[in-house]
Amino acid sequence: MATGGNNVDAARRKAATRAYNALPMKLVIVSKGGGASVDAACGEWADKIRRYAPFDEIVVRPNPKNAKDPRAQLEAEGERVMRHVDARDFVVLMDERGKDLSSEALAAVVADVGDGGHSGIVFCVGGPFGHGDAVTRRADARVRLSSMVMNHQVARIVLLEQAYRAHTILRGEPYHH
């Protein structure tokens, strides 16, 4: 028995479909690592993202200079993060004080960046004290995943799932409703 709801959902997905240039995506995260189970889950999401665009994840060790001062930690981490950002990349700073985006709005950002002459999109997740000044200055957008603060490993999983979801929205695939 077919329902009218399925036709409405399919029509809505088709309407959301958008041609876009799928740019390489990168996640640069300041973290000690997530453990085997988090790494496995993130690996699954990364593989799904790679169906649509090249994807790379770079883990930067927190406090690489073992500084006692939080400001010095931030700057050392920021230097390491910036090594993975190209001049033509669109940089999205993941920040608890950033802008709230729906999944559809994130998909629109991904498409707009792809159409905007950038070489890639880089999502940056900072360390326990946030982001260094160089990373903050370089950011093209600031986004938050939730109004609640979450640890880096949870943020990593949520961000990867949302990056995958963005591509499925843009392609009109049924993953998103």
N, C-alpha and C. Protein backbone atom coordinates (compact mmCIF):
# COMPACT_ATOMS: atom_id res chain seq x y z
N MET A 1 0.84 -1.17 0.00
CA MET A 1 0.00 0.00 0.00
C MET A 1 0.89 1.24 0.00
N ALA A 2 0.83 2.03 -1.07
CA ALA A 2 1.62 3.25 -1.18
C ALA A 2 0.90 4.39 -0.50
N THR A 3 1.66 5.28 0.08
CA THR A 3 1.05 6.43 0.73
C THR A 3 1.47 7.70 0.02
N GLY A 4 0.67 8.72 0.14
CA GLY A 4 0.99 10.01 -0.46
C GLY A 4 2.21 10.64 0.17
N GLY A 5 2.51 10.27 1.43
CA GLY A 5 3.68 10.81 2.13
C GLY A 5 4.98 10.49 1.43
N ASN A 6 5.09 9.27 0.89
CA ASN A 6 6.31 8.88 0.18
C ASN A 6 6.53 9.76 -1.04
N ASN A 7 5.44 10.07 -1.76
CA ASN A 7 5.55 10.93 -2.93
C ASN A 7 5.94 12.35 -2.54
N VAL A 8 5.39 12.83 -1.43
CA VAL A 8 5.73 14.17 -0.94
C VAL A 8 7.20 14.22 -0.55
N ASP A 9 7.69 13.19 0.17
CA ASP A 9 9.09 13.15 0.57
C ASP A 9 10.00 13.12 -0.65
N ALA A 10 9.67 12.31 -1.63
CA ALA A 10 10.48 12.23 -2.84
C ALA A 10 10.50 13.57 -3.58
N ALA A 11 9.36 14.23 -3.64
CA ALA A 11 9.28 15.53 -4.32
C ALA A 11 10.11 16.58 -3.57
N ARG A 12 10.08 16.54 -2.24
CA ARG A 12 10.86 17.48 -1.45
C ARG A 12 12.36 17.24 -1.64
N ARG A 13 12.77 15.96 -1.67
CA ARG A 13 14.18 15.65 -1.90
C ARG A 13 14.62 16.11 -3.28
N LYS A 14 13.76 15.88 -4.27
CA LYS A 14 14.10 16.30 -5.63
C LYS A 14 14.26 17.81 -5.71
N ALA A 15 13.39 18.53 -5.02
CA ALA A 15 13.46 20.00 -5.02
C ALA A 15 14.74 20.49 -4.35
N ALA A 16 15.25 19.74 -3.37
CA ALA A 16 16.47 20.14 -2.66
C ALA A 16 17.74 19.78 -3.43
N THR A 17 17.61 18.94 -4.44
CA THR A 17 18.77 18.52 -5.22
C THR A 17 19.40 19.73 -5.89
N ARG A 18 20.70 19.80 -5.83
CA ARG A 18 21.40 20.95 -6.39
C ARG A 18 22.71 20.49 -7.01
N ALA A 19 22.98 20.99 -8.19
CA ALA A 19 24.28 20.73 -8.80
C ALA A 19 25.33 21.54 -8.04
N TYR A 20 26.45 20.95 -7.75
CA TYR A 20 27.51 21.65 -7.03
C TYR A 20 28.83 20.96 -7.33
N ASN A 21 29.90 21.68 -7.14
CA ASN A 21 31.24 21.16 -7.31
C ASN A 21 31.67 20.59 -5.96
N ALA A 22 31.74 19.28 -5.87
CA ALA A 22 32.10 18.62 -4.60
C ALA A 22 33.59 18.77 -4.36
N LEU A 23 33.94 19.70 -3.50
CA LEU A 23 35.34 19.98 -3.19
C LEU A 23 35.91 18.99 -2.18
N PRO A 24 37.23 18.85 -2.18
CA PRO A 24 37.84 18.05 -1.12
C PRO A 24 37.49 18.65 0.24
N MET A 25 37.22 17.77 1.19
CA MET A 25 36.91 18.17 2.56
C MET A 25 38.02 17.67 3.47
N LYS A 26 38.25 18.47 4.51
CA LYS A 26 39.26 18.10 5.48
C LYS A 26 38.73 18.45 6.87
N LEU A 27 38.98 17.59 7.82
CA LEU A 27 38.72 17.87 9.22
C LEU A 27 40.07 17.94 9.91
N VAL A 28 40.37 19.09 10.50
CA VAL A 28 41.59 19.25 11.29
C VAL A 28 41.13 19.41 12.73
N ILE A 29 41.50 18.45 13.56
CA ILE A 29 41.03 18.42 14.94
C ILE A 29 42.20 18.34 15.90
N VAL A 30 42.15 19.18 16.93
CA VAL A 30 43.14 19.15 18.00
C VAL A 30 42.63 18.14 19.01
N SER A 31 43.36 17.02 19.14
CA SER A 31 42.84 15.94 19.97
C SER A 31 43.94 14.95 20.32
N LYS A 32 43.74 14.25 21.42
CA LYS A 32 44.65 13.17 21.81
C LYS A 32 44.29 11.87 21.10
N GLY A 33 43.20 11.85 20.40
CA GLY A 33 42.72 10.62 19.78
C GLY A 33 41.45 10.19 20.47
N GLY A 34 40.71 9.32 19.81
CA GLY A 34 39.40 9.00 20.34
C GLY A 34 39.24 7.61 20.89
N GLY A 35 40.24 6.80 20.73
CA GLY A 35 40.08 5.42 21.11
C GLY A 35 39.55 4.61 19.93
N ALA A 36 39.69 3.33 20.02
CA ALA A 36 39.37 2.45 18.89
C ALA A 36 37.92 2.55 18.44
N SER A 37 36.98 2.61 19.37
CA SER A 37 35.57 2.61 18.96
C SER A 37 35.18 3.93 18.29
N VAL A 38 35.65 5.06 18.80
CA VAL A 38 35.37 6.36 18.17
C VAL A 38 36.06 6.43 16.81
N ASP A 39 37.30 5.98 16.75
CA ASP A 39 38.02 5.99 15.48
C ASP A 39 37.32 5.12 14.44
N ALA A 40 36.80 3.99 14.85
CA ALA A 40 36.08 3.10 13.92
C ALA A 40 34.81 3.77 13.41
N ALA A 41 34.04 4.38 14.32
CA ALA A 41 32.81 5.07 13.91
C ALA A 41 33.14 6.22 12.96
N CYS A 42 34.15 6.99 13.28
CA CYS A 42 34.54 8.10 12.41
C CYS A 42 35.06 7.60 11.07
N GLY A 43 35.73 6.48 11.07
CA GLY A 43 36.19 5.89 9.82
C GLY A 43 35.03 5.51 8.91
N GLU A 44 33.96 5.01 9.50
CA GLU A 44 32.77 4.67 8.70
C GLU A 44 32.17 5.92 8.07
N TRP A 45 32.04 7.00 8.85
CA TRP A 45 31.48 8.24 8.30
C TRP A 45 32.42 8.83 7.24
N ALA A 46 33.72 8.76 7.49
CA ALA A 46 34.68 9.28 6.51
C ALA A 46 34.56 8.52 5.19
N ASP A 47 34.41 7.21 5.26
CA ASP A 47 34.23 6.41 4.04
C ASP A 47 32.97 6.82 3.29
N LYS A 48 31.91 7.13 4.03
CA LYS A 48 30.66 7.57 3.39
C LYS A 48 30.85 8.92 2.71
N ILE A 49 31.56 9.84 3.36
CA ILE A 49 31.83 11.15 2.76
C ILE A 49 32.62 10.97 1.47
N ARG A 50 33.57 10.05 1.46
CA ARG A 50 34.43 9.83 0.29
C ARG A 50 33.66 9.32 -0.93
N ARG A 51 32.42 8.89 -0.75
CA ARG A 51 31.59 8.53 -1.90
C ARG A 51 31.28 9.77 -2.75
N TYR A 52 31.36 10.94 -2.13
CA TYR A 52 30.97 12.19 -2.78
C TYR A 52 32.14 13.12 -3.08
N ALA A 53 33.16 13.08 -2.24
CA ALA A 53 34.28 14.02 -2.38
C ALA A 53 35.50 13.44 -1.66
N PRO A 54 36.69 13.86 -2.08
CA PRO A 54 37.88 13.46 -1.31
C PRO A 54 37.75 13.98 0.12
N PHE A 55 38.19 13.17 1.07
CA PHE A 55 38.10 13.56 2.48
C PHE A 55 39.36 13.12 3.20
N ASP A 56 39.85 14.00 4.09
CA ASP A 56 41.02 13.68 4.89
C ASP A 56 40.77 14.19 6.30
N GLU A 57 41.27 13.46 7.26
CA GLU A 57 41.18 13.88 8.66
C GLU A 57 42.58 13.96 9.23
N ILE A 58 42.89 15.11 9.82
CA ILE A 58 44.20 15.34 10.40
C ILE A 58 44.02 15.61 11.89
N VAL A 59 44.75 14.87 12.71
CA VAL A 59 44.71 15.05 14.15
C VAL A 59 45.97 15.78 14.57
N VAL A 60 45.79 16.91 15.23
CA VAL A 60 46.90 17.71 15.75
C VAL A 60 46.95 17.46 17.25
N ARG A 61 48.12 17.13 17.73
CA ARG A 61 48.28 16.84 19.16
C ARG A 61 48.08 18.11 19.98
N PRO A 62 47.29 18.03 21.07
CA PRO A 62 47.12 19.22 21.91
C PRO A 62 48.41 19.59 22.62
N ASN A 63 48.59 20.88 22.81
CA ASN A 63 49.72 21.43 23.55
C ASN A 63 51.06 20.81 23.11
N PRO A 64 51.41 20.97 21.83
CA PRO A 64 52.61 20.30 21.31
C PRO A 64 53.92 20.75 21.96
N LYS A 65 53.91 21.92 22.58
CA LYS A 65 55.15 22.42 23.22
C LYS A 65 55.12 22.26 24.74
N ASN A 66 54.10 21.55 25.25
CA ASN A 66 53.94 21.33 26.69
C ASN A 66 53.98 22.63 27.49
N ALA A 67 53.34 23.65 26.97
CA ALA A 67 53.29 24.95 27.64
C ALA A 67 52.33 24.89 28.82
N LYS A 68 52.66 25.62 29.87
CA LYS A 68 51.78 25.69 31.05
C LYS A 68 50.70 26.75 30.84
N ASP A 69 51.02 27.78 30.09
CA ASP A 69 50.11 28.90 29.85
C ASP A 69 49.10 28.52 28.76
N PRO A 70 47.79 28.61 29.06
CA PRO A 70 46.77 28.26 28.05
C PRO A 70 46.91 29.05 26.74
N ARG A 71 47.31 30.32 26.83
CA ARG A 71 47.47 31.15 25.61
C ARG A 71 48.59 30.57 24.73
N ALA A 72 49.67 30.16 25.36
CA ALA A 72 50.79 29.56 24.61
C ALA A 72 50.36 28.23 24.00
N GLN A 73 49.54 27.46 24.71
CA GLN A 73 49.01 26.21 24.16
C GLN A 73 48.20 26.48 22.91
N LEU A 74 47.29 27.47 23.00
CA LEU A 74 46.44 27.82 21.86
C LEU A 74 47.27 28.20 20.64
N GLU A 75 48.28 29.01 20.86
CA GLU A 75 49.08 29.48 19.73
C GLU A 75 49.88 28.35 19.10
N ALA A 76 50.43 27.46 19.92
CA ALA A 76 51.18 26.31 19.38
C ALA A 76 50.25 25.38 18.60
N GLU A 77 49.05 25.13 19.14
CA GLU A 77 48.08 24.31 18.42
C GLU A 77 47.66 24.99 17.12
N GLY A 78 47.43 26.31 17.19
CA GLY A 78 47.03 27.07 16.01
C GLY A 78 48.06 27.00 14.90
N GLU A 79 49.34 27.09 15.27
CA GLU A 79 50.42 26.97 14.27
C GLU A 79 50.34 25.63 13.56
N ARG A 80 50.12 24.58 14.32
CA ARG A 80 50.03 23.23 13.73
C ARG A 80 48.80 23.10 12.84
N VAL A 81 47.67 23.64 13.27
CA VAL A 81 46.45 23.58 12.46
C VAL A 81 46.67 24.30 11.14
N MET A 82 47.28 25.49 11.20
CA MET A 82 47.46 26.31 10.00
C MET A 82 48.35 25.64 8.95
N ARG A 83 49.17 24.70 9.34
CA ARG A 83 50.00 23.95 8.38
C ARG A 83 49.15 23.13 7.41
N HIS A 84 47.89 22.89 7.78
CA HIS A 84 47.01 22.05 6.98
C HIS A 84 45.93 22.85 6.24
N VAL A 85 46.08 24.16 6.24
CA VAL A 85 45.12 25.04 5.58
C VAL A 85 45.80 25.73 4.41
N ASP A 86 45.22 25.56 3.23
CA ASP A 86 45.72 26.20 2.02
C ASP A 86 45.11 27.59 1.88
N ALA A 87 45.79 28.47 1.18
CA ALA A 87 45.30 29.84 1.01
C ALA A 87 43.93 29.90 0.34
N ARG A 88 43.61 28.94 -0.52
CA ARG A 88 42.33 28.96 -1.24
C ARG A 88 41.24 28.11 -0.57
N ASP A 89 41.53 27.54 0.59
CA ASP A 89 40.53 26.76 1.31
C ASP A 89 39.50 27.68 1.95
N PHE A 90 38.29 27.17 2.10
CA PHE A 90 37.25 27.82 2.89
C PHE A 90 37.32 27.17 4.26
N VAL A 91 37.56 27.96 5.29
CA VAL A 91 37.78 27.43 6.63
C VAL A 91 36.54 27.66 7.50
N VAL A 92 36.02 26.56 8.04
CA VAL A 92 34.87 26.60 8.95
C VAL A 92 35.38 26.28 10.35
N LEU A 93 35.31 27.27 11.21
CA LEU A 93 35.73 27.12 12.59
C LEU A 93 34.56 26.56 13.38
N MET A 94 34.74 25.42 13.99
CA MET A 94 33.72 24.86 14.86
C MET A 94 33.90 25.52 16.22
N ASP A 95 32.87 26.26 16.65
CA ASP A 95 33.01 27.12 17.82
C ASP A 95 31.68 27.15 18.56
N GLU A 96 31.73 26.93 19.86
CA GLU A 96 30.49 26.92 20.66
C GLU A 96 29.75 28.26 20.59
N ARG A 97 30.43 29.32 20.19
CA ARG A 97 29.79 30.63 20.05
C ARG A 97 29.49 30.95 18.58
N GLY A 98 29.62 29.95 17.72
CA GLY A 98 29.36 30.14 16.30
C GLY A 98 27.89 30.15 15.96
N LYS A 99 27.62 30.24 14.68
CA LYS A 99 26.25 30.32 14.17
C LYS A 99 25.61 28.93 14.17
N ASP A 100 24.34 28.89 14.55
CA ASP A 100 23.56 27.66 14.45
C ASP A 100 23.17 27.47 12.99
N LEU A 101 23.38 26.28 12.47
CA LEU A 101 22.95 25.96 11.11
C LEU A 101 22.11 24.69 11.14
N SER A 102 21.07 24.67 10.35
CA SER A 102 20.33 23.43 10.14
C SER A 102 21.17 22.55 9.21
N SER A 103 20.78 21.31 9.08
CA SER A 103 21.47 20.41 8.15
C SER A 103 21.37 20.94 6.72
N GLU A 104 20.21 21.48 6.38
CA GLU A 104 20.01 22.04 5.04
C GLU A 104 20.90 23.26 4.81
N ALA A 105 21.06 24.10 5.84
CA ALA A 105 21.91 25.28 5.72
C ALA A 105 23.38 24.87 5.57
N LEU A 106 23.81 23.83 6.29
CA LEU A 106 25.17 23.34 6.11
C LEU A 106 25.36 22.81 4.70
N ALA A 107 24.37 22.10 4.18
CA ALA A 107 24.45 21.61 2.80
C ALA A 107 24.61 22.79 1.83
N ALA A 108 23.87 23.86 2.07
CA ALA A 108 23.99 25.04 1.21
C ALA A 108 25.38 25.65 1.29
N VAL A 109 25.98 25.66 2.48
CA VAL A 109 27.36 26.16 2.63
C VAL A 109 28.30 25.30 1.80
N VAL A 110 28.17 23.98 1.92
CA VAL A 110 29.03 23.06 1.16
C VAL A 110 28.90 23.33 -0.34
N ALA A 111 27.69 23.49 -0.83
CA ALA A 111 27.47 23.76 -2.25
C ALA A 111 28.01 25.12 -2.65
N ASP A 112 27.75 26.15 -1.84
CA ASP A 112 28.21 27.50 -2.16
C ASP A 112 29.73 27.57 -2.19
N VAL A 113 30.38 26.90 -1.26
CA VAL A 113 31.84 26.88 -1.23
C VAL A 113 32.36 26.18 -2.50
N GLY A 114 31.71 25.10 -2.88
CA GLY A 114 32.11 24.39 -4.09
C GLY A 114 31.99 25.23 -5.34
N ASP A 115 31.02 26.12 -5.34
CA ASP A 115 30.79 26.98 -6.49
C ASP A 115 31.54 28.31 -6.40
N GLY A 116 32.26 28.53 -5.29
CA GLY A 116 32.86 29.83 -5.03
C GLY A 116 34.33 29.98 -5.35
N GLY A 117 34.92 29.04 -6.06
CA GLY A 117 36.32 29.19 -6.45
C GLY A 117 37.33 28.76 -5.39
N HIS A 118 36.87 28.10 -4.35
CA HIS A 118 37.79 27.61 -3.32
C HIS A 118 38.38 26.27 -3.75
N SER A 119 39.51 25.92 -3.15
CA SER A 119 40.14 24.64 -3.49
C SER A 119 39.67 23.51 -2.60
N GLY A 120 39.09 23.83 -1.45
CA GLY A 120 38.61 22.82 -0.52
C GLY A 120 37.89 23.47 0.63
N ILE A 121 37.31 22.64 1.46
CA ILE A 121 36.65 23.11 2.68
C ILE A 121 37.31 22.41 3.86
N VAL A 122 37.70 23.21 4.85
CA VAL A 122 38.39 22.68 6.02
C VAL A 122 37.56 23.01 7.26
N PHE A 123 37.18 21.97 8.00
CA PHE A 123 36.50 22.14 9.27
C PHE A 123 37.56 22.02 10.37
N CYS A 124 37.62 23.01 11.26
CA CYS A 124 38.61 23.01 12.33
C CYS A 124 37.93 22.87 13.68
N VAL A 125 38.34 21.87 14.44
CA VAL A 125 37.88 21.66 15.80
C VAL A 125 39.07 21.92 16.70
N GLY A 126 38.96 22.93 17.58
CA GLY A 126 40.06 23.34 18.43
C GLY A 126 40.27 22.43 19.61
N GLY A 127 41.27 22.78 20.39
CA GLY A 127 41.60 22.03 21.60
C GLY A 127 40.74 22.46 22.77
N PRO A 128 41.11 22.06 23.97
CA PRO A 128 40.29 22.33 25.15
C PRO A 128 40.08 23.82 25.42
N PHE A 129 41.00 24.66 24.96
CA PHE A 129 40.87 26.10 25.19
C PHE A 129 40.36 26.83 23.95
N GLY A 130 40.00 26.09 22.91
CA GLY A 130 39.47 26.73 21.71
C GLY A 130 40.48 26.75 20.58
N HIS A 131 40.51 27.89 19.87
CA HIS A 131 41.35 28.05 18.68
C HIS A 131 42.38 29.15 18.89
N GLY A 132 43.54 28.97 18.29
CA GLY A 132 44.56 30.01 18.31
C GLY A 132 44.15 31.20 17.45
N ASP A 133 44.80 32.34 17.69
CA ASP A 133 44.46 33.57 16.96
C ASP A 133 44.61 33.42 15.45
N ALA A 134 45.63 32.73 15.00
CA ALA A 134 45.85 32.59 13.55
C ALA A 134 44.69 31.84 12.91
N VAL A 135 44.19 30.82 13.56
CA VAL A 135 43.07 30.04 13.03
C VAL A 135 41.79 30.87 13.06
N THR A 136 41.59 31.59 14.14
CA THR A 136 40.40 32.43 14.27
C THR A 136 40.38 33.51 13.19
N ARG A 137 41.51 34.15 12.97
CA ARG A 137 41.60 35.19 11.93
C ARG A 137 41.36 34.61 10.54
N ARG A 138 41.80 33.40 10.31
CA ARG A 138 41.71 32.78 8.99
C ARG A 138 40.32 32.24 8.67
N ALA A 139 39.50 32.04 9.68
CA ALA A 139 38.18 31.42 9.49
C ALA A 139 37.30 32.25 8.57
N ASP A 140 36.63 31.55 7.65
CA ASP A 140 35.64 32.17 6.77
C ASP A 140 34.24 32.09 7.38
N ALA A 141 34.02 31.14 8.28
CA ALA A 141 32.73 30.96 8.93
C ALA A 141 32.96 30.35 10.31
N ARG A 142 32.04 30.65 11.23
CA ARG A 142 32.04 30.04 12.56
C ARG A 142 30.70 29.37 12.76
N VAL A 143 30.76 28.09 13.08
CA VAL A 143 29.55 27.28 13.21
C VAL A 143 29.62 26.52 14.52
N ARG A 144 28.46 26.35 15.14
CA ARG A 144 28.42 25.48 16.31
C ARG A 144 27.52 24.30 16.01
N LEU A 145 27.88 23.17 16.57
CA LEU A 145 27.11 21.95 16.36
C LEU A 145 25.91 21.86 17.29
N SER A 146 25.99 22.56 18.40
CA SER A 146 24.92 22.48 19.40
C SER A 146 25.07 23.67 20.34
N SER A 147 23.99 24.03 20.99
CA SER A 147 24.10 25.05 22.03
C SER A 147 24.71 24.45 23.30
N MET A 148 24.79 23.13 23.34
CA MET A 148 25.47 22.45 24.45
C MET A 148 26.92 22.22 24.06
N VAL A 149 27.81 22.30 25.02
CA VAL A 149 29.22 22.00 24.76
C VAL A 149 29.37 20.49 24.73
N MET A 150 30.16 20.00 23.79
CA MET A 150 30.40 18.56 23.71
C MET A 150 31.91 18.31 23.61
N ASN A 151 32.32 17.15 24.04
CA ASN A 151 33.74 16.86 23.94
C ASN A 151 34.14 16.67 22.48
N HIS A 152 35.43 16.68 22.25
CA HIS A 152 35.95 16.68 20.88
C HIS A 152 35.57 15.42 20.10
N GLN A 153 35.52 14.30 20.78
CA GLN A 153 35.22 13.06 20.07
C GLN A 153 33.75 13.01 19.65
N VAL A 154 32.87 13.51 20.49
CA VAL A 154 31.46 13.57 20.11
C VAL A 154 31.29 14.57 18.97
N ALA A 155 31.94 15.74 19.09
CA ALA A 155 31.87 16.74 18.02
C ALA A 155 32.39 16.17 16.71
N ARG A 156 33.43 15.40 16.78
CA ARG A 156 34.01 14.78 15.58
C ARG A 156 33.00 13.88 14.88
N ILE A 157 32.33 13.03 15.64
CA ILE A 157 31.34 12.12 15.06
C ILE A 157 30.16 12.91 14.49
N VAL A 158 29.66 13.88 15.24
CA VAL A 158 28.52 14.67 14.79
C VAL A 158 28.87 15.43 13.51
N LEU A 159 30.03 16.05 13.48
CA LEU A 159 30.44 16.81 12.30
C LEU A 159 30.58 15.91 11.07
N LEU A 160 31.17 14.75 11.23
CA LEU A 160 31.31 13.84 10.09
C LEU A 160 29.95 13.37 9.58
N GLU A 161 29.05 13.06 10.49
CA GLU A 161 27.72 12.65 10.05
C GLU A 161 27.03 13.79 9.31
N GLN A 162 27.17 15.00 9.79
CA GLN A 162 26.53 16.15 9.14
C GLN A 162 27.16 16.46 7.78
N ALA A 163 28.45 16.25 7.64
CA ALA A 163 29.10 16.44 6.33
C ALA A 163 28.56 15.43 5.33
N TYR A 164 28.40 14.20 5.77
CA TYR A 164 27.79 13.17 4.91
C TYR A 164 26.35 13.56 4.56
N ARG A 165 25.60 13.96 5.57
CA ARG A 165 24.21 14.35 5.37
C ARG A 165 24.11 15.50 4.37
N ALA A 166 25.03 16.46 4.44
CA ALA A 166 25.01 17.60 3.51
C ALA A 166 25.07 17.12 2.07
N HIS A 167 25.95 16.17 1.79
CA HIS A 167 26.06 15.64 0.42
C HIS A 167 24.78 14.92 0.01
N THR A 168 24.18 14.16 0.92
CA THR A 168 22.95 13.44 0.54
C THR A 168 21.81 14.41 0.30
N ILE A 169 21.76 15.50 1.05
CA ILE A 169 20.74 16.53 0.81
C ILE A 169 20.92 17.13 -0.57
N LEU A 170 22.15 17.49 -0.89
CA LEU A 170 22.43 18.13 -2.18
C LEU A 170 22.15 17.20 -3.36
N ARG A 171 22.30 15.90 -3.13
CA ARG A 171 22.05 14.92 -4.20
C ARG A 171 20.61 14.44 -4.22
N GLY A 172 19.81 14.89 -3.26
CA GLY A 172 18.40 14.48 -3.21
C GLY A 172 18.22 13.04 -2.82
N GLU A 173 19.15 12.50 -2.07
CA GLU A 173 19.08 11.11 -1.65
C GLU A 173 18.23 10.97 -0.38
N PRO A 174 17.62 9.82 -0.17
CA PRO A 174 16.65 9.67 0.91
C PRO A 174 17.23 9.59 2.33
N TYR A 175 18.53 9.70 2.52
CA TYR A 175 19.09 9.61 3.87
C TYR A 175 18.48 10.68 4.79
N HIS A 176 18.32 11.88 4.27
CA HIS A 176 17.78 12.99 5.06
C HIS A 176 16.26 13.01 4.90
N HIS A 177 15.56 12.30 5.70
CA HIS A 177 14.09 12.17 5.70
C HIS A 177 13.60 11.43 4.51
